[in-house]
Amino acid sequence: VQAIVILKSRHRLHYLLDAAGMPRSTFFYHQKRLSEPDKHAALKDAIWESFERNKHRYGYRRVLLDLRNQGWVVNHKLVYKLMREMGLRAKIRQRRPYVSYNGR
């Protein structure tokens, strides 16, 4: 949709939509959605602060518990989706193999 919006000044919209294989109503629906403000902006800020405060060690489950302790009423699926969109991944520590040898 963004590419079509950019090219719309040089080419006719009808041709661009045919080339993209997109219906006209779908184009205008997505164009309207692009201009709307992000409804999860405050929640994204809270997720980012929780993630930073815990030194990138919390995954979505612990971030969710931290948010709920702060008073947010939010579903775990939304926290998972937003963390994935923001590219937030917990640091995973490397497991060392078990070695029972303690002799010489």
PDB file of N, CA and C in Angstrom:
ATOM      1  N   VAL A   1       0.831  -1.190   0.000  1.00  0.00           N
ATOM      2  CA  VAL A   1       0.000   0.000   0.000  1.00  0.00           C
ATOM      3  C   VAL A   1       0.872   1.249   0.000  1.00  0.00           C
ATOM      4  N   GLN A   2       1.964   1.231   0.758  1.00  0.00           N
ATOM      5  CA  GLN A   2       2.841   2.408   0.798  1.00  0.00           C
ATOM      6  C   GLN A   2       3.480   2.660  -0.564  1.00  0.00           C
ATOM      7  N   ALA A   3       3.849   1.590  -1.257  1.00  0.00           N
ATOM      8  CA  ALA A   3       4.443   1.751  -2.585  1.00  0.00           C
ATOM      9  C   ALA A   3       3.424   2.333  -3.558  1.00  0.00           C
ATOM     10  N   ILE A   4       2.180   1.895  -3.466  1.00  0.00           N
ATOM     11  CA  ILE A   4       1.146   2.419  -4.346  1.00  0.00           C
ATOM     12  C   ILE A   4       0.890   3.894  -4.051  1.00  0.00           C
ATOM     13  N   VAL A   5       0.902   4.272  -2.786  1.00  0.00           N
ATOM     14  CA  VAL A   5       0.700   5.681  -2.416  1.00  0.00           C
ATOM     15  C   VAL A   5       1.816   6.546  -3.007  1.00  0.00           C
ATOM     16  N   ILE A   6       3.043   6.040  -2.968  1.00  0.00           N
ATOM     17  CA  ILE A   6       4.171   6.800  -3.522  1.00  0.00           C
ATOM     18  C   ILE A   6       4.045   6.922  -5.040  1.00  0.00           C
ATOM     19  N   LEU A   7       3.699   5.837  -5.700  1.00  0.00           N
ATOM     20  CA  LEU A   7       3.623   5.835  -7.162  1.00  0.00           C
ATOM     21  C   LEU A   7       2.352   6.470  -7.708  1.00  0.00           C
ATOM     22  N   LYS A   8       1.391   6.747  -6.850  1.00  0.00           N
ATOM     23  CA  LYS A   8       0.100   7.271  -7.289  1.00  0.00           C
ATOM     24  C   LYS A   8       0.233   8.651  -7.943  1.00  0.00           C
ATOM     25  N   SER A   9       1.258   9.402  -7.602  1.00  0.00           N
ATOM     26  CA  SER A   9       1.418  10.724  -8.196  1.00  0.00           C
ATOM     27  C   SER A   9       1.883  10.643  -9.652  1.00  0.00           C
ATOM     28  N   ARG A  10       2.506   9.547 -10.063  1.00  0.00           N
ATOM     29  CA  ARG A  10       3.027   9.407 -11.423  1.00  0.00           C
ATOM     30  C   ARG A  10       2.142   8.564 -12.335  1.00  0.00           C
ATOM     31  N   HIS A  11       1.392   7.623 -11.723  1.00  0.00           N
ATOM     32  CA  HIS A  11       0.605   6.681 -12.512  1.00  0.00           C
ATOM     33  C   HIS A  11      -0.851   6.689 -12.051  1.00  0.00           C
ATOM     34  N   ARG A  12      -1.700   6.177 -12.904  1.00  0.00           N
ATOM     35  CA  ARG A  12      -3.117   6.091 -12.544  1.00  0.00           C
ATOM     36  C   ARG A  12      -3.310   4.983 -11.519  1.00  0.00           C
ATOM     37  N   LEU A  13      -4.184   5.227 -10.563  1.00  0.00           N
ATOM     38  CA  LEU A  13      -4.429   4.280  -9.473  1.00  0.00           C
ATOM     39  C   LEU A  13      -4.951   2.945 -10.004  1.00  0.00           C
ATOM     40  N   HIS A  14      -5.779   2.998 -11.014  1.00  0.00           N
ATOM     41  CA  HIS A  14      -6.365   1.785 -11.585  1.00  0.00           C
ATOM     42  C   HIS A  14      -5.269   0.824 -12.065  1.00  0.00           C
ATOM     43  N   TYR A  15      -4.253   1.374 -12.744  1.00  0.00           N
ATOM     44  CA  TYR A  15      -3.174   0.525 -13.265  1.00  0.00           C
ATOM     45  C   TYR A  15      -2.315  -0.045 -12.145  1.00  0.00           C
ATOM     46  N   LEU A  16      -2.062   0.755 -11.140  1.00  0.00           N
ATOM     47  CA  LEU A  16      -1.251   0.283 -10.005  1.00  0.00           C
ATOM     48  C   LEU A  16      -1.962  -0.840  -9.250  1.00  0.00           C
ATOM     49  N   LEU A  17      -3.264  -0.694  -9.071  1.00  0.00           N
ATOM     50  CA  LEU A  17      -4.016  -1.723  -8.357  1.00  0.00           C
ATOM     51  C   LEU A  17      -4.086  -3.010  -9.165  1.00  0.00           C
ATOM     52  N   ASP A  18      -4.207  -2.894 -10.489  1.00  0.00           N
ATOM     53  CA  ASP A  18      -4.188  -4.086 -11.336  1.00  0.00           C
ATOM     54  C   ASP A  18      -2.839  -4.788 -11.255  1.00  0.00           C
ATOM     55  N   ALA A  19      -1.764  -4.018 -11.288  1.00  0.00           N
ATOM     56  CA  ALA A  19      -0.423  -4.604 -11.220  1.00  0.00           C
ATOM     57  C   ALA A  19      -0.182  -5.287  -9.874  1.00  0.00           C
ATOM     58  N   ALA A  20      -0.713  -4.712  -8.815  1.00  0.00           N
ATOM     59  CA  ALA A  20      -0.530  -5.301  -7.477  1.00  0.00           C
ATOM     60  C   ALA A  20      -1.527  -6.410  -7.202  1.00  0.00           C
ATOM     61  N   GLY A  21      -2.586  -6.481  -8.005  1.00  0.00           N
ATOM     62  CA  GLY A  21      -3.615  -7.496  -7.770  1.00  0.00           C
ATOM     63  C   GLY A  21      -4.419  -7.214  -6.518  1.00  0.00           C
ATOM     64  N   MET A  22      -4.645  -5.939  -6.259  1.00  0.00           N
ATOM     65  CA  MET A  22      -5.337  -5.536  -5.038  1.00  0.00           C
ATOM     66  C   MET A  22      -6.664  -4.859  -5.386  1.00  0.00           C
ATOM     67  N   PRO A  23      -7.731  -5.239  -4.695  1.00  0.00           N
ATOM     68  CA  PRO A  23      -9.002  -4.540  -4.921  1.00  0.00           C
ATOM     69  C   PRO A  23      -8.928  -3.091  -4.437  1.00  0.00           C
ATOM     70  N   ARG A  24      -9.728  -2.246  -5.063  1.00  0.00           N
ATOM     71  CA  ARG A  24      -9.736  -0.817  -4.737  1.00  0.00           C
ATOM     72  C   ARG A  24     -10.137  -0.567  -3.292  1.00  0.00           C
ATOM     73  N   SER A  25     -11.139  -1.285  -2.803  1.00  0.00           N
ATOM     74  CA  SER A  25     -11.597  -1.067  -1.433  1.00  0.00           C
ATOM     75  C   SER A  25     -10.537  -1.482  -0.415  1.00  0.00           C
ATOM     76  N   THR A  26      -9.793  -2.532  -0.728  1.00  0.00           N
ATOM     77  CA  THR A  26      -8.719  -2.971   0.169  1.00  0.00           C
ATOM     78  C   THR A  26      -7.636  -1.914   0.255  1.00  0.00           C
ATOM     79  N   PHE A  27      -7.298  -1.312  -0.874  1.00  0.00           N
ATOM     80  CA  PHE A  27      -6.288  -0.254  -0.876  1.00  0.00           C
ATOM     81  C   PHE A  27      -6.702   0.906   0.018  1.00  0.00           C
ATOM     82  N   PHE A  28      -7.948   1.370  -0.140  1.00  0.00           N
ATOM     83  CA  PHE A  28      -8.382   2.513   0.659  1.00  0.00           C
ATOM     84  C   PHE A  28      -8.526   2.156   2.135  1.00  0.00           C
ATOM     85  N   TYR A  29      -8.868   0.902   2.437  1.00  0.00           N
ATOM     86  CA  TYR A  29      -8.945   0.462   3.829  1.00  0.00           C
ATOM     87  C   TYR A  29      -7.570   0.532   4.479  1.00  0.00           C
ATOM     88  N   HIS A  30      -6.557  -0.002   3.802  1.00  0.00           N
ATOM     89  CA  HIS A  30      -5.208  -0.004   4.376  1.00  0.00           C
ATOM     90  C   HIS A  30      -4.598   1.395   4.396  1.00  0.00           C
ATOM     91  N   GLN A  31      -4.933   2.214   3.418  1.00  0.00           N
ATOM     92  CA  GLN A  31      -4.436   3.583   3.420  1.00  0.00           C
ATOM     93  C   GLN A  31      -4.983   4.357   4.619  1.00  0.00           C
ATOM     94  N   LYS A  32      -6.233   4.132   4.959  1.00  0.00           N
ATOM     95  CA  LYS A  32      -6.831   4.773   6.128  1.00  0.00           C
ATOM     96  C   LYS A  32      -6.174   4.282   7.411  1.00  0.00           C
ATOM     97  N   ARG A  33      -5.880   2.979   7.469  1.00  0.00           N
ATOM     98  CA  ARG A  33      -5.248   2.418   8.662  1.00  0.00           C
ATOM     99  C   ARG A  33      -3.841   2.968   8.870  1.00  0.00           C
ATOM    100  N   LEU A  34      -3.117   3.275   7.790  1.00  0.00           N
ATOM    101  CA  LEU A  34      -1.763   3.810   7.907  1.00  0.00           C
ATOM    102  C   LEU A  34      -1.754   5.181   8.561  1.00  0.00           C
ATOM    103  N   SER A  35      -2.805   5.969   8.349  1.00  0.00           N
ATOM    104  CA  SER A  35      -2.825   7.326   8.889  1.00  0.00           C
ATOM    105  C   SER A  35      -3.344   7.398  10.324  1.00  0.00           C
ATOM    106  N   GLU A  36      -3.927   6.316  10.833  1.00  0.00           N
ATOM    107  CA  GLU A  36      -4.452   6.327  12.200  1.00  0.00           C
ATOM    108  C   GLU A  36      -3.311   6.196  13.215  1.00  0.00           C
ATOM    109  N   PRO A  37      -3.456   6.796  14.387  1.00  0.00           N
ATOM    110  CA  PRO A  37      -2.422   6.651  15.416  1.00  0.00           C
ATOM    111  C   PRO A  37      -2.426   5.236  15.989  1.00  0.00           C
ATOM    112  N   ASP A  38      -1.302   4.841  16.558  1.00  0.00           N
ATOM    113  CA  ASP A  38      -1.159   3.497  17.121  1.00  0.00           C
ATOM    114  C   ASP A  38      -1.929   3.413  18.436  1.00  0.00           C
ATOM    115  N   LYS A  39      -2.893   2.498  18.506  1.00  0.00           N
ATOM    116  CA  LYS A  39      -3.714   2.411  19.714  1.00  0.00           C
ATOM    117  C   LYS A  39      -3.005   1.691  20.855  1.00  0.00           C
ATOM    118  N   HIS A  40      -1.900   1.021  20.566  1.00  0.00           N
ATOM    119  CA  HIS A  40      -1.154   0.312  21.607  1.00  0.00           C
ATOM    120  C   HIS A  40       0.153   1.024  21.970  1.00  0.00           C
ATOM    121  N   ALA A  41       0.250   2.306  21.673  1.00  0.00           N
ATOM    122  CA  ALA A  41       1.502   3.035  21.905  1.00  0.00           C
ATOM    123  C   ALA A  41       1.875   3.062  23.385  1.00  0.00           C
ATOM    124  N   ALA A  42       0.910   3.310  24.255  1.00  0.00           N
ATOM    125  CA  ALA A  42       1.211   3.365  25.696  1.00  0.00           C
ATOM    126  C   ALA A  42       1.623   1.989  26.215  1.00  0.00           C
ATOM    127  N   LEU A  43       0.953   0.949  25.735  1.00  0.00           N
ATOM    128  CA  LEU A  43       1.302  -0.408  26.156  1.00  0.00           C
ATOM    129  C   LEU A  43       2.684  -0.795  25.644  1.00  0.00           C
ATOM    130  N   LYS A  44       3.020  -0.390  24.426  1.00  0.00           N
ATOM    131  CA  LYS A  44       4.354  -0.682  23.888  1.00  0.00           C
ATOM    132  C   LYS A  44       5.433  -0.003  24.723  1.00  0.00           C
ATOM    133  N   ASP A  45       5.174   1.226  25.161  1.00  0.00           N
ATOM    134  CA  ASP A  45       6.140   1.917  26.017  1.00  0.00           C
ATOM    135  C   ASP A  45       6.311   1.181  27.346  1.00  0.00           C
ATOM    136  N   ALA A  46       5.206   0.701  27.922  1.00  0.00           N
ATOM    137  CA  ALA A  46       5.283  -0.031  29.192  1.00  0.00           C
ATOM    138  C   ALA A  46       6.028  -1.346  29.011  1.00  0.00           C
ATOM    139  N   ILE A  47       5.798  -2.031  27.899  1.00  0.00           N
ATOM    140  CA  ILE A  47       6.512  -3.284  27.622  1.00  0.00           C
ATOM    141  C   ILE A  47       7.991  -3.016  27.468  1.00  0.00           C
ATOM    142  N   TRP A  48       8.342  -1.962  26.727  1.00  0.00           N
ATOM    143  CA  TRP A  48       9.751  -1.630  26.513  1.00  0.00           C
ATOM    144  C   TRP A  48      10.437  -1.287  27.835  1.00  0.00           C
ATOM    145  N   GLU A  49       9.764  -0.517  28.691  1.00  0.00           N
ATOM    146  CA  GLU A  49      10.376  -0.144  29.973  1.00  0.00           C
ATOM    147  C   GLU A  49      10.559  -1.361  30.868  1.00  0.00           C
ATOM    148  N   SER A  50       9.585  -2.262  30.889  1.00  0.00           N
ATOM    149  CA  SER A  50       9.709  -3.484  31.683  1.00  0.00           C
ATOM    150  C   SER A  50      10.850  -4.340  31.171  1.00  0.00           C
ATOM    151  N   PHE A  51      10.959  -4.448  29.857  1.00  0.00           N
ATOM    152  CA  PHE A  51      12.014  -5.253  29.238  1.00  0.00           C
ATOM    153  C   PHE A  51      13.385  -4.664  29.539  1.00  0.00           C
ATOM    154  N   GLU A  52      13.511  -3.341  29.443  1.00  0.00           N
ATOM    155  CA  GLU A  52      14.781  -2.676  29.724  1.00  0.00           C
ATOM    156  C   GLU A  52      15.149  -2.761  31.203  1.00  0.00           C
ATOM    157  N   ARG A  53      14.155  -2.564  32.065  1.00  0.00           N
ATOM    158  CA  ARG A  53      14.401  -2.580  33.504  1.00  0.00           C
ATOM    159  C   ARG A  53      14.946  -3.931  33.963  1.00  0.00           C
ATOM    160  N   ASN A  54      14.554  -4.981  33.281  1.00  0.00           N
ATOM    161  CA  ASN A  54      14.994  -6.323  33.652  1.00  0.00           C
ATOM    162  C   ASN A  54      16.120  -6.830  32.771  1.00  0.00           C
ATOM    163  N   LYS A  55      16.847  -5.914  32.153  1.00  0.00           N
ATOM    164  CA  LYS A  55      18.073  -6.188  31.407  1.00  0.00           C
ATOM    165  C   LYS A  55      17.899  -7.202  30.295  1.00  0.00           C
ATOM    166  N   HIS A  56      16.778  -7.122  29.601  1.00  0.00           N
ATOM    167  CA  HIS A  56      16.474  -7.972  28.433  1.00  0.00           C
ATOM    168  C   HIS A  56      16.398  -9.449  28.792  1.00  0.00           C
ATOM    169  N   ARG A  57      16.115  -9.758  30.033  1.00  0.00           N
ATOM    170  CA  ARG A  57      16.067 -11.155  30.458  1.00  0.00           C
ATOM    171  C   ARG A  57      14.649 -11.704  30.528  1.00  0.00           C
ATOM    172  N   TYR A  58      13.649 -10.854  30.454  1.00  0.00           N
ATOM    173  CA  TYR A  58      12.270 -11.297  30.584  1.00  0.00           C
ATOM    174  C   TYR A  58      11.664 -11.600  29.225  1.00  0.00           C
ATOM    175  N   GLY A  59      10.985 -12.727  29.145  1.00  0.00           N
ATOM    176  CA  GLY A  59      10.205 -13.060  27.973  1.00  0.00           C
ATOM    177  C   GLY A  59       8.803 -12.499  28.137  1.00  0.00           C
ATOM    178  N   TYR A  60       7.912 -12.894  27.234  1.00  0.00           N
ATOM    179  CA  TYR A  60       6.580 -12.289  27.264  1.00  0.00           C
ATOM    180  C   TYR A  60       5.796 -12.679  28.506  1.00  0.00           C
ATOM    181  N   ARG A  61       6.034 -13.868  29.067  1.00  0.00           N
ATOM    182  CA  ARG A  61       5.269 -14.292  30.247  1.00  0.00           C
ATOM    183  C   ARG A  61       5.607 -13.432  31.462  1.00  0.00           C
ATOM    184  N   ARG A  62       6.907 -13.201  31.680  1.00  0.00           N
ATOM    185  CA  ARG A  62       7.302 -12.415  32.837  1.00  0.00           C
ATOM    186  C   ARG A  62       7.032 -10.927  32.628  1.00  0.00           C
ATOM    187  N   VAL A  63       7.124 -10.467  31.388  1.00  0.00           N
ATOM    188  CA  VAL A  63       6.747  -9.084  31.098  1.00  0.00           C
ATOM    189  C   VAL A  63       5.262  -8.903  31.375  1.00  0.00           C
ATOM    190  N   LEU A  64       4.458  -9.897  30.994  1.00  0.00           N
ATOM    191  CA  LEU A  64       3.019  -9.843  31.261  1.00  0.00           C
ATOM    192  C   LEU A  64       2.747  -9.753  32.757  1.00  0.00           C
ATOM    193  N   LEU A  65       3.416 -10.559  33.560  1.00  0.00           N
ATOM    194  CA  LEU A  65       3.214 -10.498  35.008  1.00  0.00           C
ATOM    195  C   LEU A  65       3.649  -9.146  35.568  1.00  0.00           C
ATOM    196  N   ASP A  66       4.740  -8.616  35.032  1.00  0.00           N
ATOM    197  CA  ASP A  66       5.206  -7.304  35.479  1.00  0.00           C
ATOM    198  C   ASP A  66       4.190  -6.216  35.132  1.00  0.00           C
ATOM    199  N   LEU A  67       3.617  -6.293  33.948  1.00  0.00           N
ATOM    200  CA  LEU A  67       2.600  -5.311  33.550  1.00  0.00           C
ATOM    201  C   LEU A  67       1.359  -5.423  34.415  1.00  0.00           C
ATOM    202  N   ARG A  68       0.950  -6.643  34.707  1.00  0.00           N
ATOM    203  CA  ARG A  68      -0.233  -6.825  35.555  1.00  0.00           C
ATOM    204  C   ARG A  68       0.014  -6.313  36.961  1.00  0.00           C
ATOM    205  N   ASN A  69       1.245  -6.441  37.463  1.00  0.00           N
ATOM    206  CA  ASN A  69       1.571  -5.888  38.775  1.00  0.00           C
ATOM    207  C   ASN A  69       1.531  -4.360  38.763  1.00  0.00           C
ATOM    208  N   GLN A  70       1.756  -3.771  37.602  1.00  0.00           N
ATOM    209  CA  GLN A  70       1.686  -2.316  37.475  1.00  0.00           C
ATOM    210  C   GLN A  70       0.257  -1.822  37.278  1.00  0.00           C
ATOM    211  N   GLY A  71      -0.694  -2.745  37.077  1.00  0.00           N
ATOM    212  CA  GLY A  71      -2.087  -2.358  36.954  1.00  0.00           C
ATOM    213  C   GLY A  71      -2.661  -2.470  35.554  1.00  0.00           C
ATOM    214  N   TRP A  72      -1.898  -2.931  34.598  1.00  0.00           N
ATOM    215  CA  TRP A  72      -2.401  -3.116  33.242  1.00  0.00           C
ATOM    216  C   TRP A  72      -3.311  -4.335  33.185  1.00  0.00           C
ATOM    217  N   VAL A  73      -4.406  -4.241  32.454  1.00  0.00           N
ATOM    218  CA  VAL A  73      -5.273  -5.378  32.181  1.00  0.00           C
ATOM    219  C   VAL A  73      -5.064  -5.712  30.711  1.00  0.00           C
ATOM    220  N   VAL A  74      -4.294  -6.763  30.461  1.00  0.00           N
ATOM    221  CA  VAL A  74      -3.886  -7.078  29.095  1.00  0.00           C
ATOM    222  C   VAL A  74      -3.785  -8.593  28.938  1.00  0.00           C
ATOM    223  N   ASN A  75      -4.047  -9.066  27.731  1.00  0.00           N
ATOM    224  CA  ASN A  75      -4.003 -10.486  27.426  1.00  0.00           C
ATOM    225  C   ASN A  75      -2.578 -10.897  27.047  1.00  0.00           C
ATOM    226  N   HIS A  76      -2.226 -12.137  27.325  1.00  0.00           N
ATOM    227  CA  HIS A  76      -0.879 -12.613  27.032  1.00  0.00           C
ATOM    228  C   HIS A  76      -0.608 -12.656  25.534  1.00  0.00           C
ATOM    229  N   LYS A  77      -1.642 -12.896  24.734  1.00  0.00           N
ATOM    230  CA  LYS A  77      -1.453 -12.953  23.282  1.00  0.00           C
ATOM    231  C   LYS A  77      -1.065 -11.588  22.722  1.00  0.00           C
ATOM    232  N   LEU A  78      -1.632 -10.532  23.282  1.00  0.00           N
ATOM    233  CA  LEU A  78      -1.302  -9.190  22.823  1.00  0.00           C
ATOM    234  C   LEU A  78       0.130  -8.828  23.192  1.00  0.00           C
ATOM    235  N   VAL A  79       0.555  -9.177  24.404  1.00  0.00           N
ATOM    236  CA  VAL A  79       1.929  -8.892  24.825  1.00  0.00           C
ATOM    237  C   VAL A  79       2.898  -9.660  23.935  1.00  0.00           C
ATOM    238  N   TYR A  80       2.593 -10.915  23.640  1.00  0.00           N
ATOM    239  CA  TYR A  80       3.437 -11.730  22.767  1.00  0.00           C
ATOM    240  C   TYR A  80       3.544 -11.104  21.385  1.00  0.00           C
ATOM    241  N   LYS A  81       2.408 -10.688  20.824  1.00  0.00           N
ATOM    242  CA  LYS A  81       2.379 -10.103  19.484  1.00  0.00           C
ATOM    243  C   LYS A  81       3.159  -8.794  19.431  1.00  0.00           C
ATOM    244  N   LEU A  82       2.958  -7.934  20.428  1.00  0.00           N
ATOM    245  CA  LEU A  82       3.644  -6.641  20.421  1.00  0.00           C
ATOM    246  C   LEU A  82       5.142  -6.807  20.624  1.00  0.00           C
ATOM    247  N   MET A  83       5.549  -7.737  21.484  1.00  0.00           N
ATOM    248  CA  MET A  83       6.979  -7.963  21.682  1.00  0.00           C
ATOM    249  C   MET A  83       7.618  -8.503  20.404  1.00  0.00           C
ATOM    250  N   ARG A  84       6.907  -9.342  19.687  1.00  0.00           N
ATOM    251  CA  ARG A  84       7.426  -9.874  18.431  1.00  0.00           C
ATOM    252  C   ARG A  84       7.530  -8.758  17.384  1.00  0.00           C
ATOM    253  N   GLU A  85       6.530  -7.873  17.321  1.00  0.00           N
ATOM    254  CA  GLU A  85       6.575  -6.750  16.382  1.00  0.00           C
ATOM    255  C   GLU A  85       7.725  -5.797  16.703  1.00  0.00           C
ATOM    256  N   MET A  86       7.984  -5.589  17.996  1.00  0.00           N
ATOM    257  CA  MET A  86       9.032  -4.668  18.410  1.00  0.00           C
ATOM    258  C   MET A  86      10.416  -5.304  18.352  1.00  0.00           C
ATOM    259  N   GLY A  87      10.472  -6.599  18.126  1.00  0.00           N
ATOM    260  CA  GLY A  87      11.756  -7.295  18.029  1.00  0.00           C
ATOM    261  C   GLY A  87      12.400  -7.546  19.377  1.00  0.00           C
ATOM    262  N   LEU A  88      11.606  -7.666  20.430  1.00  0.00           N
ATOM    263  CA  LEU A  88      12.138  -7.903  21.768  1.00  0.00           C
ATOM    264  C   LEU A  88      12.198  -9.397  22.043  1.00  0.00           C
ATOM    265  N   ARG A  89      13.399  -9.889  22.281  1.00  0.00           N
ATOM    266  CA  ARG A  89      13.586 -11.296  22.599  1.00  0.00           C
ATOM    267  C   ARG A  89      14.457 -11.394  23.834  1.00  0.00           C
ATOM    268  N   ALA A  90      14.115 -12.308  24.724  1.00  0.00           N
ATOM    269  CA  ALA A  90      14.874 -12.479  25.959  1.00  0.00           C
ATOM    270  C   ALA A  90      16.225 -13.114  25.666  1.00  0.00           C
ATOM    271  N   LYS A  91      17.214 -12.721  26.461  1.00  0.00           N
ATOM    272  CA  LYS A  91      18.517 -13.374  26.367  1.00  0.00           C
ATOM    273  C   LYS A  91      18.373 -14.792  26.916  1.00  0.00           C
ATOM    274  N   ILE A  92      18.902 -15.740  26.209  1.00  0.00           N
ATOM    275  CA  ILE A  92      18.829 -17.132  26.654  1.00  0.00           C
ATOM    276  C   ILE A  92      20.235 -17.559  27.033  1.00  0.00           C
ATOM    277  N   ARG A  93      20.380 -18.019  28.255  1.00  0.00           N
ATOM    278  CA  ARG A  93      21.716 -18.414  28.702  1.00  0.00           C
ATOM    279  C   ARG A  93      22.081 -19.763  28.110  1.00  0.00           C
ATOM    280  N   GLN A  94      23.355 -19.941  27.876  1.00  0.00           N
ATOM    281  CA  GLN A  94      23.845 -21.181  27.295  1.00  0.00           C
ATOM    282  C   GLN A  94      23.948 -22.254  28.376  1.00  0.00           C
ATOM    283  N   ARG A  95      23.418 -23.419  28.098  1.00  0.00           N
ATOM    284  CA  ARG A  95      23.524 -24.543  29.022  1.00  0.00           C
ATOM    285  C   ARG A  95      24.883 -25.198  28.850  1.00  0.00           C
ATOM    286  N   ARG A  96      25.497 -25.536  29.946  1.00  0.00           N
ATOM    287  CA  ARG A  96      26.781 -26.229  29.885  1.00  0.00           C
ATOM    288  C   ARG A  96      26.531 -27.721  30.066  1.00  0.00           C
ATOM    289  N   PRO A  97      27.259 -28.528  29.355  1.00  0.00           N
ATOM    290  CA  PRO A  97      27.041 -29.980  29.509  1.00  0.00           C
ATOM    291  C   PRO A  97      27.479 -30.455  30.898  1.00  0.00           C
ATOM    292  N   TYR A  98      26.793 -31.460  31.396  1.00  0.00           N
ATOM    293  CA  TYR A  98      27.113 -32.008  32.703  1.00  0.00           C
ATOM    294  C   TYR A  98      28.392 -32.822  32.618  1.00  0.00           C
ATOM    295  N   VAL A  99      29.324 -32.509  33.518  1.00  0.00           N
ATOM    296  CA  VAL A  99      30.584 -33.257  33.574  1.00  0.00           C
ATOM    297  C   VAL A  99      30.753 -33.729  35.011  1.00  0.00           C
ATOM    298  N   SER A 100      30.748 -35.039  35.188  1.00  0.00           N
ATOM    299  CA  SER A 100      30.838 -35.567  36.547  1.00  0.00           C
ATOM    300  C   SER A 100      32.282 -35.841  36.964  1.00  0.00           C
ATOM    301  N   TYR A 101      33.226 -35.650  36.084  1.00  0.00           N
ATOM    302  CA  TYR A 101      34.638 -35.930  36.380  1.00  0.00           C
ATOM    303  C   TYR A 101      35.167 -34.880  37.348  1.00  0.00           C
ATOM    304  N   ASN A 102      35.665 -35.329  38.491  1.00  0.00           N
ATOM    305  CA  ASN A 102      36.255 -34.394  39.454  1.00  0.00           C
ATOM    306  C   ASN A 102      37.591 -34.945  39.974  1.00  0.00           C
ATOM    307  N   GLY A 103      38.207 -35.825  39.229  1.00  0.00           N
ATOM    308  CA  GLY A 103      39.497 -36.407  39.630  1.00  0.00           C
ATOM    309  C   GLY A 103      40.657 -35.720  38.926  1.00  0.00           C
ATOM    310  N   ARG A 104      41.765 -36.459  38.874  1.00  0.00           N
ATOM    311  CA  ARG A 104      42.965 -35.907  38.250  1.00  0.00           C
ATOM    312  C   ARG A 104      43.046 -36.292  36.794  1.00  0.00           C
TER     313      ARG A 104
END
